[in-house]
C-alpha cells in the first residue's frame, strides 16, 4: 500500500466498516480540539497543535489510538475493557468507539501540549533575557 498523503486518502484505503469508525474517530478528535491541524505522521493520521496530540490507525480487527504515554497513564483506569499498552489502546471494530473517552483524552492532551509550549516559551525568554544581561 502506498503511503497516504492525507487523512482522506488514509481512511479511503480501508474497508467500508473500518472507514466509518476511522471517520468517526477523526470527527471526535477534530471537534474536541478544532484548532488542531490534521497531519500524517509515522504513516498514521494525527492531530497536532505545537506537537502531535494523538494518532490513530486502522487495523484488521481494531482501531489503534495513540494519545502518547501521558494520555494512557492518566486515563488507564478507563481502559479496563480494551487491550492497551503504555502508549496505545485498541478499540475493537465490532464495538462502538468510546466517543466520550476519546474526546476527554484529546482535550487533556491539548491542554498538556499548550502548557508545555508555554513553559518552553518562558524558558526561551528567560535564557534570552539572561544572555542580554550577561552581554551588558
Protein backbone atom coordinates (compact mmCIF):
# COMPACT_ATOMS: atom_id res chain seq x y z
CA UNK A 1 0.00 0.00 0.00
CA UNK A 2 1.29 3.45 -0.93
CA UNK A 3 1.61 5.92 1.93
CA UNK A 4 -1.36 8.24 2.24
CA UNK A 5 -0.77 11.93 1.59
CA UNK A 6 -3.64 12.99 3.86
CA UNK A 7 -6.25 11.59 6.20
CA UNK A 8 -8.90 11.29 3.47
CA UNK A 9 -6.61 9.01 1.47
CA UNK A 10 -5.70 7.04 4.57
CA UNK A 11 -9.31 6.36 5.51
CA UNK A 12 -10.28 5.51 1.92
CA UNK A 13 -7.73 2.67 1.90
CA UNK A 14 -9.79 0.62 4.40
CA UNK A 15 -12.96 -1.49 4.09
CA UNK A 16 -16.21 0.45 4.42
CA UNK A 17 -16.99 -0.53 8.04
CA UNK A 18 -13.49 0.43 9.16
CA UNK A 19 -13.77 3.69 7.21
CA UNK A 20 -16.87 4.58 9.24
CA UNK A 21 -15.03 4.11 12.53
CA UNK A 22 -11.93 5.96 11.32
CA UNK A 23 -14.11 8.84 10.11
CA UNK A 24 -15.90 8.89 13.45
CA UNK A 25 -12.57 8.96 15.28
CA UNK A 26 -11.44 11.86 13.08
CA UNK A 27 -14.63 13.81 13.75
CA UNK A 28 -14.49 13.29 17.51
CA UNK A 29 -10.87 14.46 17.69
CA UNK A 30 -11.47 17.40 15.36
CA UNK A 31 -14.48 18.61 17.34
CA UNK A 32 -12.64 18.18 20.65
CA UNK A 33 -9.79 20.44 19.51
CA UNK A 34 -10.97 22.41 16.44
CA UNK A 35 -7.67 24.31 16.13
CA UNK A 36 -5.64 21.11 15.84
CA UNK A 37 -4.04 20.53 12.46
CA UNK A 38 -4.56 17.25 10.64
CA UNK A 39 -1.32 15.56 9.58
CA UNK A 40 0.02 12.19 8.58
CA UNK A 41 2.86 11.26 10.94
CA UNK A 42 4.61 7.88 11.07
CA UNK A 43 2.17 6.83 8.34
CA UNK A 44 -0.85 7.44 10.59
CA UNK A 45 -3.47 10.17 10.87
CA UNK A 46 -2.58 12.58 13.67
CA UNK A 47 -3.72 15.88 15.09
CA UNK A 48 -1.27 18.48 16.35
CA UNK A 49 -1.07 21.89 17.94
CA UNK A 50 2.54 22.57 18.96
CA UNK A 51 3.30 18.84 18.93
CA UNK A 52 1.21 15.82 17.98
CA UNK A 53 -1.67 15.36 20.41
CA UNK A 54 -2.98 11.99 19.27
CA UNK A 55 -2.53 9.48 16.47
CA UNK A 56 -4.97 6.83 15.28
CA UNK A 57 -4.78 3.96 12.82
CA UNK A 58 -6.90 1.24 11.30
CA UNK A 59 -6.08 -2.46 11.52
CA UNK A 60 -7.76 -5.72 10.60
CA UNK A 61 -9.53 -6.14 13.96
CA UNK A 62 -9.25 -2.82 15.76
CA UNK A 63 -8.69 0.92 15.66
CA UNK A 64 -5.45 1.91 17.37
CA UNK A 65 -5.48 5.13 19.37
CA UNK A 66 -2.15 6.63 20.40
CA UNK A 67 -2.53 9.56 22.84
CA UNK A 68 1.13 9.35 23.95
CA UNK A 69 2.17 7.82 27.24
CA UNK A 70 0.66 10.61 29.35
CA UNK A 71 -2.76 10.16 27.75
CA UNK A 72 -2.63 6.46 28.52
CA UNK A 73 -1.26 6.92 32.05
CA UNK A 74 -3.89 9.48 33.13
CA UNK A 75 -6.85 7.53 31.71
CA UNK A 76 -5.54 4.00 32.37
CA UNK A 77 -8.42 3.09 34.71
CA UNK A 78 -10.88 3.67 31.87
CA UNK A 79 -9.17 1.16 29.54
CA UNK A 80 -10.05 -1.97 31.50
CA UNK A 81 -12.20 -3.41 28.72
CA UNK A 82 -9.63 -2.66 26.00
CA UNK A 83 -6.22 -4.01 25.18
CA UNK A 84 -3.69 -1.28 25.96
CA UNK A 85 0.00 -0.60 26.43
CA UNK A 86 1.96 2.36 27.76
CA UNK A 87 1.34 4.36 24.57
CA UNK A 88 -1.69 2.84 22.85
CA UNK A 89 -5.17 1.45 23.24
CA UNK A 90 -7.06 -0.82 20.85
CA UNK A 91 -10.75 -0.31 20.14
CA UNK A 92 -12.28 -3.45 18.55
CA UNK A 93 -14.03 -3.00 15.21
CA UNK A 94 -17.09 -4.87 16.43
CA UNK A 95 -17.86 -2.43 19.28
CA UNK A 96 -18.83 1.25 19.25
CA UNK A 97 -15.99 3.69 19.78
CA UNK A 98 -15.86 5.21 23.28
CA UNK A 99 -16.51 8.69 21.91
CA UNK A 100 -16.64 10.47 25.28
CA UNK A 101 -13.35 8.91 26.38
CA UNK A 102 -11.61 9.78 23.10
CA UNK A 103 -12.83 13.36 23.44
CA UNK A 104 -11.66 13.64 27.07
CA UNK A 105 -8.21 12.26 26.26
CA UNK A 106 -7.81 14.55 23.25
CA UNK A 107 -8.76 17.62 25.31
CA UNK A 108 -6.36 16.53 28.06
CA UNK A 109 -3.56 16.19 25.52
CA UNK A 110 -4.33 19.63 24.05
CA UNK A 111 -4.15 21.25 27.50
CA UNK A 112 -0.91 19.42 28.21
CA UNK A 113 0.55 20.47 24.86
CA UNK A 114 -0.38 24.13 25.38
CA UNK A 115 1.08 24.12 28.91
CA UNK A 116 4.31 22.54 27.67
CA UNK A 117 4.57 25.11 24.87
CA UNK A 118 4.08 27.94 27.37
CA UNK A 119 6.80 26.51 29.65
CA UNK A 120 9.16 26.15 26.69
CA UNK A 121 8.46 29.75 25.56
CA UNK A 122 9.02 31.07 29.10
CA UNK A 123 12.34 29.22 29.38
CA UNK A 124 13.42 30.55 26.00
CA UNK A 125 12.52 34.11 27.04
CA UNK A 126 14.41 33.71 30.33
CA UNK A 127 17.53 32.48 28.52
CA UNK A 128 17.33 35.37 26.07
CA UNK A 129 16.97 37.84 28.94
CA UNK A 130 19.89 36.25 30.82
CA UNK A 131 22.10 36.45 27.72
CA UNK A 132 21.21 40.12 27.30
CA UNK A 133 22.12 40.83 30.93
CA UNK A 134 25.42 38.96 30.60
CA UNK A 135 26.39 40.94 27.48
CA UNK A 136 25.99 44.27 29.32
